[in-house]
Amino acid sequence: VVPLSVSGAFHSSKMRAAADEFMEFEETVEINNAKIPVVTNVDADFTVDSADFKFKMPLQIYSAVKWTQSVLNMIDAGVDTFVEIGNGTVLSGLIRKIDKSVKTYNVYDKNSLEEFVEIFSKELENNVR
């Protein structure tokens, strides 16, 4: 268990009312199929179908996060690089605890984005050769 400092009771039954409101909101927007598979934290599975997203998104608000399974499924599918966007490196640290061999990056401002793009561009260039 890793205690996280959070501002709400996210991913718990206390968020059920918010999920119900979100389901009403979903009816007002069009959701397309994803072009790139998204791993949904409610089931740790790859999702592309818009109907699956509409079903899963409200569940993600109040259900437990299948973090370890999600990361392992991505690694099993060939993902070897993870980018955490936002202040902090909590998720990157959790990923490295699951598998130390993967690369993690943190992008939190313009400079860190530029650094990441430069590093990643060089890695892509080296892998093409």
N, C-alpha and C. Protein backbone atom coordinates (compact mmCIF):
# COMPACT_ATOMS: atom_id res chain seq x y z
N VAL A 1 0.84 -1.17 0.00
CA VAL A 1 0.00 0.00 0.00
C VAL A 1 0.88 1.23 0.00
N VAL A 2 0.56 2.15 -0.87
CA VAL A 2 1.26 3.43 -0.92
C VAL A 2 0.21 4.52 -0.68
N PRO A 3 0.29 5.18 0.49
CA PRO A 3 -0.69 6.26 0.74
C PRO A 3 -0.48 7.42 -0.24
N LEU A 4 -1.57 7.91 -0.80
CA LEU A 4 -1.51 9.03 -1.72
C LEU A 4 -2.26 10.21 -1.13
N SER A 5 -1.71 11.37 -1.27
CA SER A 5 -2.37 12.58 -0.82
C SER A 5 -3.33 13.02 -1.92
N VAL A 6 -4.62 12.87 -1.67
CA VAL A 6 -5.62 13.21 -2.68
C VAL A 6 -6.65 14.17 -2.09
N SER A 7 -7.36 14.87 -2.96
CA SER A 7 -8.30 15.88 -2.51
C SER A 7 -9.74 15.37 -2.43
N GLY A 8 -9.97 14.09 -2.73
CA GLY A 8 -11.33 13.55 -2.68
C GLY A 8 -11.32 12.04 -2.56
N ALA A 9 -12.50 11.49 -2.40
CA ALA A 9 -12.67 10.05 -2.22
C ALA A 9 -12.82 9.35 -3.57
N PHE A 10 -11.93 9.73 -4.50
CA PHE A 10 -11.99 9.17 -5.85
C PHE A 10 -11.82 7.65 -5.81
N HIS A 11 -12.47 6.98 -6.77
CA HIS A 11 -12.37 5.53 -6.91
C HIS A 11 -12.92 4.81 -5.68
N SER A 12 -13.96 5.38 -5.08
CA SER A 12 -14.63 4.73 -3.95
C SER A 12 -16.14 4.91 -4.13
N SER A 13 -16.91 4.16 -3.36
CA SER A 13 -18.37 4.22 -3.47
C SER A 13 -18.92 5.61 -3.16
N LYS A 14 -18.14 6.44 -2.48
CA LYS A 14 -18.57 7.81 -2.18
C LYS A 14 -18.70 8.65 -3.44
N MET A 15 -18.16 8.17 -4.54
CA MET A 15 -18.22 8.90 -5.81
C MET A 15 -19.34 8.41 -6.74
N ARG A 16 -20.19 7.53 -6.25
CA ARG A 16 -21.25 6.96 -7.07
C ARG A 16 -22.18 8.04 -7.65
N ALA A 17 -22.52 9.04 -6.84
CA ALA A 17 -23.41 10.11 -7.33
C ALA A 17 -22.75 10.87 -8.47
N ALA A 18 -21.45 11.10 -8.37
CA ALA A 18 -20.72 11.78 -9.45
C ALA A 18 -20.75 10.93 -10.72
N ALA A 19 -20.64 9.62 -10.56
CA ALA A 19 -20.68 8.73 -11.72
C ALA A 19 -22.06 8.79 -12.39
N ASP A 20 -23.10 8.85 -11.56
CA ASP A 20 -24.46 8.96 -12.12
C ASP A 20 -24.62 10.26 -12.91
N GLU A 21 -24.09 11.35 -12.37
CA GLU A 21 -24.14 12.64 -13.08
C GLU A 21 -23.34 12.56 -14.37
N PHE A 22 -22.22 11.89 -14.32
CA PHE A 22 -21.38 11.77 -15.52
C PHE A 22 -22.11 10.98 -16.60
N MET A 23 -22.87 9.95 -16.20
CA MET A 23 -23.62 9.16 -17.17
C MET A 23 -24.64 10.05 -17.89
N GLU A 24 -25.26 10.97 -17.17
CA GLU A 24 -26.20 11.90 -17.80
C GLU A 24 -25.45 12.81 -18.78
N PHE A 25 -24.28 13.28 -18.37
CA PHE A 25 -23.48 14.13 -19.25
C PHE A 25 -23.09 13.38 -20.52
N GLU A 26 -22.72 12.11 -20.38
CA GLU A 26 -22.31 11.31 -21.54
C GLU A 26 -23.37 11.29 -22.63
N GLU A 27 -24.61 11.37 -22.23
CA GLU A 27 -25.71 11.34 -23.21
C GLU A 27 -25.73 12.59 -24.08
N THR A 28 -25.04 13.65 -23.66
CA THR A 28 -25.05 14.91 -24.40
C THR A 28 -23.87 15.05 -25.35
N VAL A 29 -22.95 14.11 -25.35
CA VAL A 29 -21.75 14.22 -26.19
C VAL A 29 -21.60 12.98 -27.06
N GLU A 30 -20.92 13.17 -28.17
CA GLU A 30 -20.61 12.05 -29.05
C GLU A 30 -19.21 11.55 -28.71
N ILE A 31 -19.09 10.26 -28.50
CA ILE A 31 -17.80 9.64 -28.23
C ILE A 31 -17.48 8.73 -29.40
N ASN A 32 -16.32 8.95 -30.00
CA ASN A 32 -15.89 8.14 -31.15
C ASN A 32 -15.04 6.97 -30.68
N ASN A 33 -14.89 6.00 -31.56
CA ASN A 33 -13.94 4.93 -31.30
C ASN A 33 -12.54 5.53 -31.22
N ALA A 34 -11.70 4.96 -30.38
CA ALA A 34 -10.32 5.43 -30.25
C ALA A 34 -9.49 4.91 -31.41
N LYS A 35 -8.57 5.73 -31.89
CA LYS A 35 -7.65 5.28 -32.93
C LYS A 35 -6.47 4.55 -32.31
N ILE A 36 -6.16 4.88 -31.06
CA ILE A 36 -5.09 4.23 -30.31
C ILE A 36 -5.74 3.60 -29.09
N PRO A 37 -5.51 2.32 -28.82
CA PRO A 37 -6.12 1.68 -27.66
C PRO A 37 -5.77 2.40 -26.36
N VAL A 38 -6.77 2.49 -25.49
CA VAL A 38 -6.62 3.11 -24.17
C VAL A 38 -6.80 2.01 -23.13
N VAL A 39 -5.89 1.93 -22.17
CA VAL A 39 -6.06 0.96 -21.08
C VAL A 39 -6.94 1.62 -20.03
N THR A 40 -8.10 1.04 -19.82
CA THR A 40 -9.05 1.59 -18.85
C THR A 40 -8.76 0.99 -17.48
N ASN A 41 -8.72 1.86 -16.46
CA ASN A 41 -8.29 1.40 -15.14
C ASN A 41 -9.32 0.56 -14.42
N VAL A 42 -10.55 0.53 -14.89
CA VAL A 42 -11.58 -0.25 -14.21
C VAL A 42 -11.43 -1.75 -14.47
N ASP A 43 -10.77 -2.09 -15.62
CA ASP A 43 -10.60 -3.51 -15.95
C ASP A 43 -9.21 -3.86 -16.47
N ALA A 44 -8.33 -2.87 -16.55
CA ALA A 44 -6.95 -3.07 -17.02
C ALA A 44 -6.90 -3.63 -18.44
N ASP A 45 -7.91 -3.30 -19.24
CA ASP A 45 -8.00 -3.85 -20.58
C ASP A 45 -7.86 -2.74 -21.61
N PHE A 46 -7.43 -3.11 -22.81
CA PHE A 46 -7.34 -2.17 -23.92
C PHE A 46 -8.74 -1.91 -24.46
N THR A 47 -9.06 -0.65 -24.66
CA THR A 47 -10.40 -0.27 -25.10
C THR A 47 -10.28 0.65 -26.31
N VAL A 48 -11.11 0.39 -27.32
CA VAL A 48 -11.18 1.27 -28.49
C VAL A 48 -12.62 1.61 -28.86
N ASP A 49 -13.56 0.78 -28.51
CA ASP A 49 -14.96 0.95 -28.91
C ASP A 49 -15.66 2.02 -28.08
N SER A 50 -16.34 2.94 -28.76
CA SER A 50 -17.00 4.06 -28.07
C SER A 50 -18.05 3.58 -27.08
N ALA A 51 -18.77 2.52 -27.40
CA ALA A 51 -19.78 2.00 -26.47
C ALA A 51 -19.11 1.48 -25.20
N ASP A 52 -17.94 0.86 -25.35
CA ASP A 52 -17.21 0.39 -24.17
C ASP A 52 -16.77 1.57 -23.30
N PHE A 53 -16.31 2.66 -23.95
CA PHE A 53 -15.92 3.84 -23.20
C PHE A 53 -17.11 4.41 -22.42
N LYS A 54 -18.25 4.51 -23.08
CA LYS A 54 -19.44 5.05 -22.40
C LYS A 54 -19.81 4.20 -21.19
N PHE A 55 -19.63 2.92 -21.28
CA PHE A 55 -19.93 2.03 -20.15
C PHE A 55 -18.87 2.15 -19.05
N LYS A 56 -17.61 2.17 -19.44
CA LYS A 56 -16.51 2.11 -18.47
C LYS A 56 -16.21 3.44 -17.77
N MET A 57 -16.37 4.55 -18.47
CA MET A 57 -15.96 5.82 -17.87
C MET A 57 -16.66 6.13 -16.55
N PRO A 58 -17.97 5.97 -16.44
CA PRO A 58 -18.59 6.21 -15.12
C PRO A 58 -18.09 5.23 -14.05
N LEU A 59 -17.85 3.99 -14.45
CA LEU A 59 -17.35 3.00 -13.49
C LEU A 59 -15.99 3.41 -12.93
N GLN A 60 -15.18 4.04 -13.79
CA GLN A 60 -13.84 4.44 -13.35
C GLN A 60 -13.88 5.49 -12.26
N ILE A 61 -14.96 6.22 -12.15
CA ILE A 61 -15.06 7.28 -11.14
C ILE A 61 -15.14 6.68 -9.73
N TYR A 62 -15.84 5.54 -9.58
CA TYR A 62 -16.05 4.99 -8.23
C TYR A 62 -15.47 3.59 -8.01
N SER A 63 -14.89 3.01 -9.03
CA SER A 63 -14.34 1.66 -8.89
C SER A 63 -12.86 1.71 -8.52
N ALA A 64 -12.37 0.60 -7.98
CA ALA A 64 -10.95 0.48 -7.67
C ALA A 64 -10.13 0.56 -8.96
N VAL A 65 -8.94 1.10 -8.85
CA VAL A 65 -8.03 1.22 -9.99
C VAL A 65 -7.18 -0.03 -10.07
N LYS A 66 -7.20 -0.67 -11.22
CA LYS A 66 -6.38 -1.86 -11.43
C LYS A 66 -5.04 -1.42 -12.02
N TRP A 67 -4.29 -0.69 -11.21
CA TRP A 67 -3.06 -0.05 -11.67
C TRP A 67 -2.00 -1.06 -12.07
N THR A 68 -1.66 -1.96 -11.17
CA THR A 68 -0.60 -2.93 -11.46
C THR A 68 -0.95 -3.75 -12.69
N GLN A 69 -2.19 -4.24 -12.76
CA GLN A 69 -2.61 -5.04 -13.91
C GLN A 69 -2.56 -4.21 -15.20
N SER A 70 -2.93 -2.93 -15.10
CA SER A 70 -2.90 -2.05 -16.29
C SER A 70 -1.48 -1.90 -16.81
N VAL A 71 -0.55 -1.61 -15.90
CA VAL A 71 0.85 -1.43 -16.30
C VAL A 71 1.41 -2.74 -16.87
N LEU A 72 1.15 -3.85 -16.19
CA LEU A 72 1.66 -5.14 -16.68
C LEU A 72 1.07 -5.49 -18.04
N ASN A 73 -0.21 -5.20 -18.27
CA ASN A 73 -0.81 -5.47 -19.58
C ASN A 73 -0.16 -4.63 -20.67
N MET A 74 0.17 -3.38 -20.34
CA MET A 74 0.84 -2.54 -21.33
C MET A 74 2.24 -3.07 -21.63
N ILE A 75 2.96 -3.47 -20.59
CA ILE A 75 4.30 -4.01 -20.78
C ILE A 75 4.24 -5.29 -21.60
N ASP A 76 3.28 -6.17 -21.28
CA ASP A 76 3.11 -7.41 -22.05
C ASP A 76 2.80 -7.13 -23.52
N ALA A 77 2.16 -5.98 -23.78
CA ALA A 77 1.82 -5.61 -25.17
C ALA A 77 2.98 -4.91 -25.87
N GLY A 78 4.11 -4.72 -25.16
CA GLY A 78 5.28 -4.14 -25.79
C GLY A 78 5.60 -2.71 -25.39
N VAL A 79 4.81 -2.11 -24.50
CA VAL A 79 5.10 -0.75 -24.06
C VAL A 79 6.34 -0.79 -23.17
N ASP A 80 7.33 0.05 -23.49
CA ASP A 80 8.55 0.09 -22.67
C ASP A 80 8.88 1.49 -22.19
N THR A 81 8.02 2.46 -22.54
CA THR A 81 8.25 3.85 -22.16
C THR A 81 6.93 4.46 -21.68
N PHE A 82 6.98 5.11 -20.52
CA PHE A 82 5.81 5.74 -19.94
C PHE A 82 6.11 7.22 -19.69
N VAL A 83 5.14 8.08 -19.99
CA VAL A 83 5.30 9.52 -19.79
C VAL A 83 4.23 9.98 -18.81
N GLU A 84 4.67 10.50 -17.66
CA GLU A 84 3.75 11.06 -16.67
C GLU A 84 3.62 12.54 -16.94
N ILE A 85 2.39 12.99 -17.14
CA ILE A 85 2.16 14.40 -17.45
C ILE A 85 1.56 15.08 -16.22
N GLY A 86 2.22 16.12 -15.75
CA GLY A 86 1.76 16.86 -14.58
C GLY A 86 2.83 16.91 -13.52
N ASN A 87 2.59 17.76 -12.52
CA ASN A 87 3.55 17.90 -11.42
C ASN A 87 3.68 16.59 -10.65
N GLY A 88 4.87 16.29 -10.23
CA GLY A 88 5.11 15.09 -9.43
C GLY A 88 5.53 13.90 -10.26
N THR A 89 6.01 12.90 -9.54
CA THR A 89 6.48 11.68 -10.20
C THR A 89 5.94 10.43 -9.50
N VAL A 90 4.80 10.57 -8.86
CA VAL A 90 4.23 9.43 -8.12
C VAL A 90 3.97 8.25 -9.04
N LEU A 91 3.33 8.49 -10.17
CA LEU A 91 2.98 7.39 -11.08
C LEU A 91 4.23 6.76 -11.68
N SER A 92 5.20 7.58 -12.04
CA SER A 92 6.46 7.04 -12.57
C SER A 92 7.12 6.14 -11.55
N GLY A 93 7.11 6.55 -10.29
CA GLY A 93 7.69 5.73 -9.22
C GLY A 93 6.95 4.42 -9.07
N LEU A 94 5.62 4.46 -9.15
CA LEU A 94 4.84 3.23 -9.04
C LEU A 94 5.13 2.29 -10.22
N ILE A 95 5.28 2.86 -11.40
CA ILE A 95 5.59 2.04 -12.58
C ILE A 95 6.95 1.37 -12.41
N ARG A 96 7.96 2.12 -11.94
CA ARG A 96 9.30 1.54 -11.76
C ARG A 96 9.29 0.46 -10.68
N LYS A 97 8.39 0.54 -9.69
CA LYS A 97 8.29 -0.53 -8.70
C LYS A 97 7.74 -1.81 -9.33
N ILE A 98 6.92 -1.65 -10.35
CA ILE A 98 6.36 -2.82 -11.04
C ILE A 98 7.39 -3.45 -11.96
N ASP A 99 8.15 -2.60 -12.69
CA ASP A 99 9.15 -3.12 -13.63
C ASP A 99 10.26 -2.07 -13.79
N LYS A 100 11.41 -2.36 -13.24
CA LYS A 100 12.54 -1.41 -13.28
C LYS A 100 13.13 -1.25 -14.68
N SER A 101 12.81 -2.15 -15.60
CA SER A 101 13.43 -2.08 -16.93
C SER A 101 12.77 -1.07 -17.86
N VAL A 102 11.55 -0.60 -17.54
CA VAL A 102 10.89 0.35 -18.42
C VAL A 102 11.43 1.76 -18.18
N LYS A 103 11.27 2.61 -19.20
CA LYS A 103 11.69 4.00 -19.08
C LYS A 103 10.49 4.84 -18.65
N THR A 104 10.74 5.80 -17.77
CA THR A 104 9.69 6.73 -17.37
C THR A 104 10.19 8.15 -17.52
N TYR A 105 9.31 9.02 -17.94
CA TYR A 105 9.62 10.44 -18.09
C TYR A 105 8.50 11.23 -17.43
N ASN A 106 8.84 12.43 -16.98
CA ASN A 106 7.86 13.33 -16.38
C ASN A 106 7.86 14.63 -17.16
N VAL A 107 6.69 15.01 -17.65
CA VAL A 107 6.53 16.27 -18.38
C VAL A 107 5.60 17.14 -17.55
N TYR A 108 6.11 18.31 -17.12
CA TYR A 108 5.31 19.17 -16.24
C TYR A 108 5.33 20.64 -16.64
N ASP A 109 6.15 21.00 -17.62
CA ASP A 109 6.17 22.37 -18.11
C ASP A 109 6.80 22.37 -19.51
N LYS A 110 6.94 23.56 -20.08
CA LYS A 110 7.46 23.66 -21.45
C LYS A 110 8.88 23.11 -21.55
N ASN A 111 9.74 23.43 -20.57
CA ASN A 111 11.13 22.96 -20.62
C ASN A 111 11.21 21.44 -20.55
N SER A 112 10.45 20.84 -19.63
CA SER A 112 10.50 19.38 -19.51
C SER A 112 9.92 18.71 -20.75
N LEU A 113 8.94 19.34 -21.38
CA LEU A 113 8.40 18.81 -22.64
C LEU A 113 9.47 18.85 -23.73
N GLU A 114 10.16 19.97 -23.84
CA GLU A 114 11.21 20.10 -24.85
C GLU A 114 12.33 19.09 -24.60
N GLU A 115 12.71 18.90 -23.34
CA GLU A 115 13.74 17.91 -23.01
C GLU A 115 13.29 16.51 -23.39
N PHE A 116 12.03 16.18 -23.06
CA PHE A 116 11.52 14.86 -23.39
C PHE A 116 11.51 14.64 -24.90
N VAL A 117 11.03 15.63 -25.65
CA VAL A 117 10.97 15.50 -27.11
C VAL A 117 12.37 15.28 -27.67
N GLU A 118 13.35 16.01 -27.16
CA GLU A 118 14.73 15.85 -27.64
C GLU A 118 15.26 14.45 -27.34
N ILE A 119 15.09 14.00 -26.11
CA ILE A 119 15.57 12.67 -25.72
C ILE A 119 14.85 11.58 -26.52
N PHE A 120 13.54 11.68 -26.59
CA PHE A 120 12.75 10.65 -27.25
C PHE A 120 13.03 10.63 -28.75
N SER A 121 13.24 11.80 -29.35
CA SER A 121 13.57 11.86 -30.78
C SER A 121 14.88 11.14 -31.06
N LYS A 122 15.86 11.34 -30.18
CA LYS A 122 17.15 10.65 -30.35
C LYS A 122 16.99 9.15 -30.20
N GLU A 123 16.18 8.72 -29.23
CA GLU A 123 15.95 7.28 -29.04
C GLU A 123 15.26 6.69 -30.26
N LEU A 124 14.27 7.38 -30.80
CA LEU A 124 13.59 6.88 -32.01
C LEU A 124 14.56 6.80 -33.17
N GLU A 125 15.39 7.82 -33.32
CA GLU A 125 16.38 7.84 -34.40
C GLU A 125 17.34 6.66 -34.26
N ASN A 126 17.80 6.38 -33.06
CA ASN A 126 18.73 5.25 -32.82
C ASN A 126 18.05 3.92 -33.08
N ASN A 127 16.77 3.81 -32.78
CA ASN A 127 16.05 2.54 -32.99
C ASN A 127 15.77 2.27 -34.46
N VAL A 128 15.69 3.33 -35.27
CA VAL A 128 15.43 3.16 -36.70
C VAL A 128 16.66 2.66 -37.41
N ARG A 129 17.82 3.01 -36.89
CA ARG A 129 19.07 2.60 -37.55
C ARG A 129 19.34 1.16 -37.43
